Amino acid sequence: MYIANSYKYDFSGRKRKPRKVKGEVYEKYKAPAFRELSPTGSEKSVSYANQRLAEFKKYPSRSDFTGSKGTGNKQESRKYTGNFVIGIATLHKSNAVPVTNPEYAKEISDMIS
């Protein structure tokens, strides 16, 4: 007798042997019972809430962001101020190439013509 989608019978109708588990068999994990944390020594007077409050007082939030929409310092625009690049040449169509030496400028002009 063939039962469709059954793991006990194969496709020809024969009953399959149940497979035995190989190796060690582990029990299901049981979590230990809950124990409340008891303060010891000098920590009895300081609670976790008081520790967090002390951190807040130690590191206050930035006051310049309160009431604003997150505007920070404006980044300066980048401009080239050195003298390494002499100019910009065009090699092929709109391919801009920086020129750093007068010899390179001559070579580029020879390639174009």
Protein backbone atom coordinates (compact mmCIF):
# COMPACT_ATOMS: atom_id res chain seq x y z
CA MET A 1 0.00 0.00 0.00
CA TYR A 2 1.44 3.35 -1.05
CA ILE A 3 0.64 6.43 0.98
CA ALA A 4 1.53 9.66 -0.80
CA ASN A 5 4.02 11.91 0.97
CA SER A 6 4.54 9.48 3.83
CA TYR A 7 7.93 9.04 5.40
CA LYS A 8 7.04 5.52 6.64
CA TYR A 9 6.56 4.10 3.11
CA ASP A 10 8.79 4.47 0.05
CA PHE A 11 7.52 5.18 -3.51
CA SER A 12 7.12 1.45 -4.30
CA GLY A 13 4.93 0.82 -1.25
CA ARG A 14 7.46 -0.94 0.99
CA LYS A 15 7.53 0.07 4.62
CA ARG A 16 10.74 1.79 5.64
CA LYS A 17 12.70 0.94 8.77
CA PRO A 18 12.88 3.80 11.24
CA ARG A 19 16.36 5.25 11.38
CA LYS A 20 18.19 5.22 14.68
CA VAL A 21 19.93 8.35 15.85
CA LYS A 22 23.71 8.12 15.55
CA GLY A 23 26.04 9.71 18.09
CA GLU A 24 25.18 11.33 21.39
CA VAL A 25 21.64 12.33 22.16
CA TYR A 26 21.30 15.55 24.14
CA GLU A 27 18.49 16.58 26.41
CA LYS A 28 16.49 19.71 25.78
CA TYR A 29 18.08 22.81 27.33
CA LYS A 30 16.45 23.95 30.53
CA ALA A 31 17.20 27.51 31.63
CA PRO A 32 18.31 27.92 35.26
CA ALA A 33 15.83 29.39 37.69
CA PHE A 34 15.69 33.20 37.91
CA ARG A 35 17.67 34.74 40.77
CA GLU A 36 17.53 38.40 41.61
CA LEU A 37 20.89 40.15 41.65
CA SER A 38 21.82 41.02 45.20
CA PRO A 39 24.19 43.98 45.72
CA THR A 40 27.38 43.30 47.65
CA GLY A 41 29.64 45.53 49.74
CA SER A 42 29.75 49.23 48.82
CA GLU A 43 27.37 48.78 45.88
CA LYS A 44 24.33 48.46 48.16
CA SER A 45 23.51 52.17 48.08
CA VAL A 46 24.12 52.65 44.33
CA SER A 47 21.38 51.30 42.09
CA TYR A 48 21.55 50.83 38.33
CA ALA A 49 19.20 53.76 37.81
CA ASN A 50 21.50 56.02 39.86
CA GLN A 51 24.53 54.87 37.83
CA ARG A 52 22.76 55.76 34.56
CA LEU A 53 21.72 59.12 35.97
CA ALA A 54 25.34 59.84 36.92
CA GLU A 55 26.46 59.04 33.35
CA PHE A 56 23.84 61.42 31.97
CA LYS A 57 25.09 64.19 34.20
CA LYS A 58 28.70 63.44 33.28
CA TYR A 59 28.11 63.49 29.50
CA PRO A 60 25.27 65.93 28.71
CA SER A 61 23.76 66.19 25.26
CA ARG A 62 24.84 68.97 22.90
CA SER A 63 22.72 72.02 23.50
CA ASP A 64 23.17 73.55 20.04
CA PHE A 65 21.08 70.75 18.44
CA THR A 66 18.05 71.19 20.68
CA GLY A 67 15.18 72.79 18.81
CA SER A 68 16.95 72.66 15.44
CA LYS A 69 16.60 70.18 12.61
CA GLY A 70 20.09 68.70 12.89
CA THR A 71 22.02 71.44 11.15
CA GLY A 72 25.72 71.03 11.81
CA ASN A 73 28.84 72.83 10.70
CA LYS A 74 28.90 73.68 7.00
CA GLN A 75 31.66 71.99 5.03
CA GLU A 76 33.96 74.34 3.15
CA SER A 77 34.05 74.00 -0.63
CA ARG A 78 37.16 72.31 -2.00
CA LYS A 79 39.46 74.39 -4.19
CA TYR A 80 42.86 73.61 -5.62
CA THR A 81 45.41 76.03 -4.16
CA GLY A 82 48.71 74.40 -5.16
CA ASN A 83 50.98 74.84 -8.18
CA PHE A 84 51.47 71.18 -9.20
CA VAL A 85 48.76 71.15 -11.88
CA ILE A 86 49.45 73.62 -14.71
CA GLY A 87 46.17 73.14 -16.51
CA ILE A 88 43.65 70.70 -17.97
CA ALA A 89 43.89 69.21 -21.48
CA THR A 90 41.39 67.25 -23.56
CA LEU A 91 42.63 64.02 -25.11
CA HIS A 92 39.63 62.27 -26.66
CA LYS A 93 36.15 63.77 -26.89
CA SER A 94 35.41 65.03 -23.38
CA ASN A 95 38.21 63.23 -21.52
CA ALA A 96 39.79 65.88 -19.26
CA VAL A 97 43.41 65.16 -18.26
CA PRO A 98 45.38 67.22 -15.71
CA VAL A 99 48.65 68.64 -17.08
CA THR A 100 51.50 68.73 -14.54
CA ASN A 101 54.48 69.37 -16.80
CA PRO A 102 55.00 71.52 -19.94
CA GLU A 103 56.37 68.44 -21.73
CA TYR A 104 53.08 66.58 -21.15
CA ALA A 105 51.21 69.53 -22.64
CA LYS A 106 53.35 69.28 -25.81
CA GLU A 107 52.83 65.51 -26.03
CA ILE A 108 49.07 65.87 -25.66
CA SER A 109 48.97 68.54 -28.38
CA ASP A 110 50.97 66.25 -30.70
CA MET A 111 48.51 63.37 -30.11
CA ILE A 112 45.51 65.49 -31.08
CA SER A 113 46.88 66.72 -34.40
